[in-house]
Amino acid sequence: MILSSSEIDRRRENGDLVIEPYHPESRQPASYDLRAAEETVLPRGVCTLVSSIERVELPADLAATLRCRSSLARRGVLLGGGFVDPGFRGQLTLCLTNAGPEDIRLAAGDRIVQMILQEVLNGDRLYQGRYQDSLGAVHTR
């Protein structure tokens, strides 16, 4: 089941889900828009790592799917990767490839990726991989 905006808010308010800093304008009916942490240029034909402003902490019963916002996709931006396991905590590194005809400038705070939160039934494992507690854009380790 995908979480609605009201369920996202309820889970945040009870401390079960962390999205910090939280920005009300990023709240969508069934997702939350992650924002670029800093100004970045997406050169044509290049994969660029962009960090989210938000620090996210997912509990054992939630996972997230990431999707490029349609406004960027219409300009040729593709998102590589796009799943966040239960138990992840940290800033998210977003792999954005510009397949469009011109360079694209992202301002700090621009909404760039939708995070869709869904329930995980009977989850018994938490993420403990090498990107745990990420800060900023993290290259492969």
N, C-alpha and C. Protein backbone atom coordinates (compact mmCIF):
# COMPACT_ATOMS: atom_id res chain seq x y z
N MET A 1 0.83 -1.17 0.00
CA MET A 1 0.00 0.00 0.00
C MET A 1 0.89 1.25 0.00
N ILE A 2 0.57 2.20 -0.85
CA ILE A 2 1.29 3.47 -0.92
C ILE A 2 0.70 4.41 0.13
N LEU A 3 1.58 5.13 0.82
CA LEU A 3 1.13 6.06 1.85
C LEU A 3 0.60 7.35 1.23
N SER A 4 -0.53 7.81 1.72
CA SER A 4 -1.09 9.09 1.31
C SER A 4 -0.37 10.22 2.04
N SER A 5 -0.60 11.44 1.61
CA SER A 5 0.04 12.58 2.28
C SER A 5 -0.36 12.67 3.75
N SER A 6 -1.60 12.37 4.06
CA SER A 6 -2.03 12.43 5.46
C SER A 6 -1.36 11.33 6.29
N GLU A 7 -1.13 10.17 5.70
CA GLU A 7 -0.45 9.09 6.41
C GLU A 7 1.04 9.41 6.58
N ILE A 8 1.64 10.02 5.57
CA ILE A 8 3.03 10.47 5.70
C ILE A 8 3.14 11.45 6.86
N ASP A 9 2.22 12.41 6.92
CA ASP A 9 2.23 13.39 8.02
C ASP A 9 2.03 12.72 9.37
N ARG A 10 1.10 11.78 9.44
CA ARG A 10 0.84 11.08 10.71
C ARG A 10 2.09 10.33 11.17
N ARG A 11 2.74 9.63 10.25
CA ARG A 11 3.94 8.86 10.60
C ARG A 11 5.09 9.79 11.00
N ARG A 12 5.19 10.94 10.37
CA ARG A 12 6.22 11.92 10.74
C ARG A 12 5.94 12.48 12.14
N GLU A 13 4.69 12.83 12.40
CA GLU A 13 4.33 13.43 13.68
C GLU A 13 4.54 12.50 14.85
N ASN A 14 4.35 11.20 14.64
CA ASN A 14 4.57 10.27 15.75
C ASN A 14 6.02 9.81 15.85
N GLY A 15 6.89 10.35 14.97
CA GLY A 15 8.32 10.06 15.05
C GLY A 15 8.76 8.78 14.37
N ASP A 16 7.84 8.08 13.73
CA ASP A 16 8.14 6.81 13.09
C ASP A 16 8.91 7.00 11.78
N LEU A 17 8.66 8.09 11.09
CA LEU A 17 9.26 8.41 9.80
C LEU A 17 9.94 9.77 9.92
N VAL A 18 11.18 9.87 9.44
CA VAL A 18 11.91 11.14 9.49
C VAL A 18 12.15 11.65 8.08
N ILE A 19 11.73 12.88 7.84
CA ILE A 19 12.05 13.63 6.62
C ILE A 19 12.41 15.03 7.11
N GLU A 20 13.71 15.33 7.16
CA GLU A 20 14.18 16.62 7.71
C GLU A 20 15.23 17.25 6.82
N PRO A 21 15.14 18.50 6.51
CA PRO A 21 14.02 19.38 6.85
C PRO A 21 12.80 19.05 6.00
N TYR A 22 11.65 19.17 6.61
CA TYR A 22 10.38 18.91 5.95
C TYR A 22 9.89 20.20 5.33
N HIS A 23 9.40 20.14 4.12
CA HIS A 23 8.92 21.32 3.41
C HIS A 23 7.48 21.04 2.95
N PRO A 24 6.48 21.73 3.51
CA PRO A 24 5.08 21.44 3.17
C PRO A 24 4.77 21.50 1.68
N GLU A 25 5.47 22.35 0.92
CA GLU A 25 5.21 22.46 -0.51
C GLU A 25 5.69 21.22 -1.27
N SER A 26 6.51 20.39 -0.64
CA SER A 26 6.98 19.16 -1.28
C SER A 26 5.99 18.01 -1.11
N ARG A 27 5.00 18.21 -0.27
CA ARG A 27 4.01 17.17 -0.02
C ARG A 27 3.05 17.05 -1.20
N GLN A 28 2.92 15.85 -1.73
CA GLN A 28 2.01 15.55 -2.83
C GLN A 28 0.94 14.57 -2.33
N PRO A 29 -0.12 14.31 -3.10
CA PRO A 29 -1.19 13.44 -2.61
C PRO A 29 -0.73 12.05 -2.17
N ALA A 30 0.29 11.48 -2.86
CA ALA A 30 0.76 10.14 -2.50
C ALA A 30 2.27 10.04 -2.61
N SER A 31 2.98 11.15 -2.34
CA SER A 31 4.44 11.14 -2.40
C SER A 31 4.98 12.39 -1.73
N TYR A 32 6.30 12.45 -1.64
CA TYR A 32 6.98 13.63 -1.13
C TYR A 32 8.12 13.95 -2.10
N ASP A 33 8.21 15.20 -2.52
CA ASP A 33 9.24 15.62 -3.47
C ASP A 33 10.54 15.95 -2.74
N LEU A 34 11.60 15.24 -3.09
CA LEU A 34 12.93 15.53 -2.54
C LEU A 34 13.54 16.69 -3.32
N ARG A 35 14.32 17.51 -2.62
CA ARG A 35 14.88 18.73 -3.20
C ARG A 35 16.40 18.63 -3.34
N ALA A 36 16.93 19.36 -4.31
CA ALA A 36 18.37 19.41 -4.53
C ALA A 36 19.04 20.15 -3.38
N ALA A 37 20.14 19.60 -2.87
CA ALA A 37 20.83 20.20 -1.73
C ALA A 37 21.61 21.45 -2.13
N GLU A 38 22.05 21.51 -3.37
CA GLU A 38 22.85 22.67 -3.79
C GLU A 38 22.65 22.91 -5.28
N GLU A 39 23.05 24.09 -5.73
CA GLU A 39 22.97 24.39 -7.15
C GLU A 39 23.87 23.43 -7.92
N THR A 40 23.33 22.92 -9.03
CA THR A 40 24.04 21.93 -9.82
C THR A 40 23.68 22.12 -11.29
N VAL A 41 24.62 21.87 -12.17
CA VAL A 41 24.34 21.83 -13.60
C VAL A 41 24.39 20.38 -14.04
N LEU A 42 23.36 19.96 -14.77
CA LEU A 42 23.32 18.62 -15.35
C LEU A 42 23.76 18.75 -16.81
N PRO A 43 25.04 18.45 -17.11
CA PRO A 43 25.51 18.56 -18.49
C PRO A 43 24.85 17.51 -19.38
N ARG A 44 24.68 17.84 -20.65
CA ARG A 44 24.12 16.89 -21.61
C ARG A 44 24.94 15.62 -21.64
N GLY A 45 24.25 14.48 -21.62
CA GLY A 45 24.91 13.20 -21.79
C GLY A 45 25.72 12.70 -20.60
N VAL A 46 25.56 13.31 -19.44
CA VAL A 46 26.38 12.96 -18.27
C VAL A 46 25.47 12.58 -17.10
N CYS A 47 25.93 11.57 -16.34
CA CYS A 47 25.27 11.21 -15.08
C CYS A 47 25.90 12.05 -13.98
N THR A 48 25.07 12.78 -13.26
CA THR A 48 25.53 13.66 -12.19
C THR A 48 24.92 13.20 -10.87
N LEU A 49 25.74 13.09 -9.83
CA LEU A 49 25.23 12.74 -8.51
C LEU A 49 24.79 14.00 -7.80
N VAL A 50 23.55 13.99 -7.33
CA VAL A 50 22.95 15.13 -6.66
C VAL A 50 22.40 14.65 -5.32
N SER A 51 22.73 15.35 -4.26
CA SER A 51 22.24 14.99 -2.93
C SER A 51 20.91 15.67 -2.66
N SER A 52 20.05 14.96 -1.94
CA SER A 52 18.82 15.58 -1.45
C SER A 52 19.15 16.46 -0.25
N ILE A 53 18.37 17.52 -0.09
CA ILE A 53 18.48 18.33 1.14
C ILE A 53 18.05 17.47 2.33
N GLU A 54 17.01 16.71 2.09
CA GLU A 54 16.37 15.97 3.17
C GLU A 54 17.20 14.80 3.67
N ARG A 55 17.20 14.66 4.96
CA ARG A 55 17.70 13.46 5.62
C ARG A 55 16.48 12.59 5.88
N VAL A 56 16.56 11.33 5.49
CA VAL A 56 15.42 10.42 5.57
C VAL A 56 15.78 9.27 6.50
N GLU A 57 14.84 8.87 7.33
CA GLU A 57 14.97 7.65 8.14
C GLU A 57 13.70 6.84 7.97
N LEU A 58 13.86 5.64 7.42
CA LEU A 58 12.70 4.77 7.20
C LEU A 58 12.64 3.69 8.27
N PRO A 59 11.45 3.47 8.84
CA PRO A 59 11.29 2.40 9.83
C PRO A 59 11.26 1.04 9.12
N ALA A 60 11.19 -0.02 9.90
CA ALA A 60 11.25 -1.39 9.38
C ALA A 60 10.08 -1.73 8.46
N ASP A 61 8.98 -1.02 8.57
CA ASP A 61 7.81 -1.37 7.77
C ASP A 61 7.57 -0.44 6.59
N LEU A 62 8.57 0.39 6.23
CA LEU A 62 8.43 1.28 5.07
C LEU A 62 9.65 1.18 4.15
N ALA A 63 9.38 1.22 2.84
CA ALA A 63 10.41 1.33 1.82
C ALA A 63 9.98 2.48 0.91
N ALA A 64 10.89 2.95 0.07
CA ALA A 64 10.56 4.06 -0.81
C ALA A 64 11.03 3.77 -2.24
N THR A 65 10.21 4.14 -3.18
CA THR A 65 10.56 4.13 -4.59
C THR A 65 10.78 5.57 -5.01
N LEU A 66 11.84 5.81 -5.76
CA LEU A 66 12.17 7.16 -6.22
C LEU A 66 11.88 7.26 -7.71
N ARG A 67 11.26 8.36 -8.11
CA ARG A 67 10.95 8.61 -9.52
C ARG A 67 11.31 10.05 -9.86
N CYS A 68 11.84 10.23 -11.04
CA CYS A 68 12.15 11.58 -11.50
C CYS A 68 10.84 12.35 -11.66
N ARG A 69 10.82 13.60 -11.23
CA ARG A 69 9.62 14.42 -11.42
C ARG A 69 9.39 14.61 -12.91
N SER A 70 8.13 14.62 -13.31
CA SER A 70 7.80 14.68 -14.73
C SER A 70 8.29 15.97 -15.38
N SER A 71 8.36 17.06 -14.63
CA SER A 71 8.84 18.32 -15.21
C SER A 71 10.30 18.19 -15.66
N LEU A 72 11.12 17.42 -14.95
CA LEU A 72 12.50 17.17 -15.39
C LEU A 72 12.54 16.09 -16.47
N ALA A 73 11.72 15.07 -16.34
CA ALA A 73 11.70 14.00 -17.34
C ALA A 73 11.33 14.55 -18.71
N ARG A 74 10.46 15.53 -18.76
CA ARG A 74 10.07 16.15 -20.03
C ARG A 74 11.23 16.89 -20.68
N ARG A 75 12.24 17.21 -19.89
CA ARG A 75 13.43 17.89 -20.43
C ARG A 75 14.55 16.89 -20.73
N GLY A 76 14.28 15.59 -20.51
CA GLY A 76 15.25 14.55 -20.85
C GLY A 76 16.03 14.01 -19.68
N VAL A 77 15.67 14.34 -18.45
CA VAL A 77 16.40 13.85 -17.28
C VAL A 77 15.89 12.46 -16.90
N LEU A 78 16.84 11.56 -16.69
CA LEU A 78 16.55 10.19 -16.27
C LEU A 78 17.12 9.96 -14.88
N LEU A 79 16.42 9.20 -14.07
CA LEU A 79 16.90 8.86 -12.72
C LEU A 79 17.40 7.43 -12.73
N GLY A 80 18.66 7.24 -12.33
CA GLY A 80 19.23 5.90 -12.21
C GLY A 80 19.07 5.43 -10.78
N GLY A 81 18.70 4.20 -10.60
CA GLY A 81 18.45 3.70 -9.24
C GLY A 81 17.15 4.29 -8.75
N GLY A 82 16.65 3.80 -7.71
CA GLY A 82 15.41 4.39 -7.25
C GLY A 82 14.67 3.59 -6.21
N PHE A 83 15.39 2.92 -5.32
CA PHE A 83 14.72 2.19 -4.25
C PHE A 83 15.48 2.40 -2.96
N VAL A 84 14.73 2.63 -1.88
CA VAL A 84 15.32 2.85 -0.56
C VAL A 84 14.76 1.78 0.38
N ASP A 85 15.64 0.98 0.95
CA ASP A 85 15.24 -0.13 1.81
C ASP A 85 14.79 0.35 3.20
N PRO A 86 13.97 -0.48 3.87
CA PRO A 86 13.62 -0.19 5.26
C PRO A 86 14.88 -0.07 6.11
N GLY A 87 14.86 0.87 7.03
CA GLY A 87 15.99 1.05 7.93
C GLY A 87 17.04 2.02 7.43
N PHE A 88 16.92 2.47 6.16
CA PHE A 88 17.90 3.43 5.65
C PHE A 88 17.77 4.74 6.41
N ARG A 89 18.92 5.37 6.64
CA ARG A 89 18.92 6.72 7.21
C ARG A 89 20.05 7.52 6.59
N GLY A 90 19.77 8.74 6.25
CA GLY A 90 20.77 9.63 5.66
C GLY A 90 20.17 10.45 4.54
N GLN A 91 21.04 11.26 3.92
CA GLN A 91 20.63 11.97 2.73
C GLN A 91 20.71 11.00 1.56
N LEU A 92 19.86 11.21 0.57
CA LEU A 92 19.83 10.33 -0.59
C LEU A 92 20.68 10.91 -1.71
N THR A 93 21.50 10.08 -2.34
CA THR A 93 22.26 10.46 -3.51
C THR A 93 21.45 10.05 -4.72
N LEU A 94 21.14 11.03 -5.56
CA LEU A 94 20.30 10.82 -6.73
C LEU A 94 21.18 10.84 -7.97
N CYS A 95 21.07 9.82 -8.81
CA CYS A 95 21.88 9.72 -10.03
C CYS A 95 21.04 10.23 -11.19
N LEU A 96 21.28 11.47 -11.59
CA LEU A 96 20.48 12.11 -12.64
C LEU A 96 21.30 12.19 -13.93
N THR A 97 20.76 11.62 -15.01
CA THR A 97 21.40 11.68 -16.32
C THR A 97 20.59 12.59 -17.23
N ASN A 98 21.27 13.54 -17.83
CA ASN A 98 20.63 14.47 -18.75
C ASN A 98 20.74 13.93 -20.16
N ALA A 99 19.66 13.37 -20.68
CA ALA A 99 19.62 12.86 -22.04
C ALA A 99 19.00 13.88 -22.99
N GLY A 100 18.75 15.07 -22.50
CA GLY A 100 18.13 16.12 -23.31
C GLY A 100 19.14 16.87 -24.16
N PRO A 101 18.65 17.86 -24.91
CA PRO A 101 19.49 18.58 -25.87
C PRO A 101 20.33 19.70 -25.29
N GLU A 102 20.11 20.09 -24.04
CA GLU A 102 20.85 21.22 -23.45
C GLU A 102 21.16 20.96 -21.98
N ASP A 103 22.17 21.65 -21.48
CA ASP A 103 22.49 21.57 -20.05
C ASP A 103 21.30 22.07 -19.25
N ILE A 104 21.12 21.50 -18.05
CA ILE A 104 20.00 21.89 -17.19
C ILE A 104 20.56 22.35 -15.85
N ARG A 105 20.14 23.51 -15.42
CA ARG A 105 20.60 24.06 -14.14
C ARG A 105 19.54 23.78 -13.08
N LEU A 106 19.99 23.21 -11.96
CA LEU A 106 19.13 23.00 -10.80
C LEU A 106 19.55 23.97 -9.73
N ALA A 107 18.61 24.67 -9.15
CA ALA A 107 18.90 25.56 -8.03
C ALA A 107 18.79 24.77 -6.73
N ALA A 108 19.50 25.21 -5.72
CA ALA A 108 19.35 24.59 -4.39
C ALA A 108 17.89 24.74 -3.98
N GLY A 109 17.30 23.65 -3.54
CA GLY A 109 15.91 23.67 -3.12
C GLY A 109 14.92 23.28 -4.20
N ASP A 110 15.36 23.12 -5.45
CA ASP A 110 14.45 22.67 -6.50
C ASP A 110 13.97 21.26 -6.20
N ARG A 111 12.68 21.03 -6.40
CA ARG A 111 12.11 19.70 -6.25
C ARG A 111 12.50 18.88 -7.48
N ILE A 112 13.16 17.73 -7.25
CA ILE A 112 13.71 16.99 -8.39
C ILE A 112 13.25 15.53 -8.48
N VAL A 113 12.94 14.91 -7.36
CA VAL A 113 12.59 13.48 -7.36
C VAL A 113 11.42 13.25 -6.42
N GLN A 114 10.47 12.40 -6.86
CA GLN A 114 9.36 12.00 -5.99
C GLN A 114 9.75 10.78 -5.18
N MET A 115 9.49 10.82 -3.89
CA MET A 115 9.70 9.66 -3.03
C MET A 115 8.32 9.09 -2.68
N ILE A 116 8.08 7.87 -3.15
CA ILE A 116 6.80 7.20 -2.91
C ILE A 116 7.03 6.17 -1.81
N LEU A 117 6.33 6.33 -0.72
CA LEU A 117 6.51 5.46 0.45
C LEU A 117 5.48 4.35 0.43
N GLN A 118 5.93 3.12 0.67
CA GLN A 118 5.01 1.99 0.69
C GLN A 118 5.32 1.08 1.87
N GLU A 119 4.28 0.40 2.32
CA GLU A 119 4.44 -0.51 3.45
C GLU A 119 5.15 -1.79 3.03
N VAL A 120 5.93 -2.33 3.97
CA VAL A 120 6.61 -3.61 3.80
C VAL A 120 5.99 -4.55 4.83
N LEU A 121 5.39 -5.63 4.36
CA LEU A 121 4.73 -6.57 5.26
C LEU A 121 5.74 -7.53 5.87
N ASN A 122 5.65 -7.72 7.16
CA ASN A 122 6.49 -8.67 7.88
C ASN A 122 7.98 -8.46 7.66
N GLY A 123 8.38 -7.20 7.57
CA GLY A 123 9.79 -6.90 7.39
C GLY A 123 10.60 -7.36 8.59
N ASP A 124 11.67 -8.10 8.32
CA ASP A 124 12.48 -8.61 9.42
C ASP A 124 13.94 -8.20 9.29
N ARG A 125 14.27 -7.41 8.26
CA ARG A 125 15.65 -6.96 8.07
C ARG A 125 15.67 -5.47 7.79
N LEU A 126 16.69 -4.81 8.30
CA LEU A 126 16.89 -3.38 8.06
C LEU A 126 18.13 -3.18 7.21
N TYR A 127 18.13 -2.12 6.44
CA TYR A 127 19.29 -1.77 5.63
C TYR A 127 20.48 -1.49 6.53
N GLN A 128 21.60 -2.10 6.22
CA GLN A 128 22.83 -1.86 6.96
C GLN A 128 24.01 -1.78 6.00
N GLY A 129 23.73 -1.30 4.78
CA GLY A 129 24.75 -1.26 3.75
C GLY A 129 25.70 -0.09 3.88
N ARG A 130 26.55 0.04 2.90
CA ARG A 130 27.63 1.02 2.95
C ARG A 130 27.20 2.46 2.79
N TYR A 131 25.94 2.72 2.45
CA TYR A 131 25.47 4.09 2.30
C TYR A 131 24.68 4.58 3.52
N GLN A 132 24.65 3.76 4.56
CA GLN A 132 23.96 4.15 5.80
C GLN A 132 24.60 5.42 6.35
N ASP A 133 23.76 6.34 6.80
CA ASP A 133 24.18 7.63 7.38
C ASP A 133 24.90 8.52 6.37
N SER A 134 24.52 8.42 5.10
CA SER A 134 25.12 9.24 4.05
C SER A 134 24.88 10.72 4.31
N LEU A 135 25.88 11.50 3.95
CA LEU A 135 25.81 12.95 4.05
C LEU A 135 26.36 13.51 2.75
N GLY A 136 25.54 14.25 2.01
CA GLY A 136 25.96 14.78 0.73
C GLY A 136 25.91 13.70 -0.34
N ALA A 137 26.31 14.06 -1.55
CA ALA A 137 26.34 13.11 -2.66
C ALA A 137 27.50 12.14 -2.43
N VAL A 138 27.18 10.85 -2.38
CA VAL A 138 28.18 9.83 -2.07
C VAL A 138 28.45 9.00 -3.32
N HIS A 139 29.70 8.99 -3.76
CA HIS A 139 30.10 8.15 -4.89
C HIS A 139 30.14 6.71 -4.45
N THR A 140 30.21 5.79 -5.39
CA THR A 140 30.27 4.38 -5.06
C THR A 140 31.46 4.12 -4.12
N ARG A 141 31.23 3.25 -3.18
CA ARG A 141 32.27 2.94 -2.18
C ARG A 141 32.88 1.61 -2.44
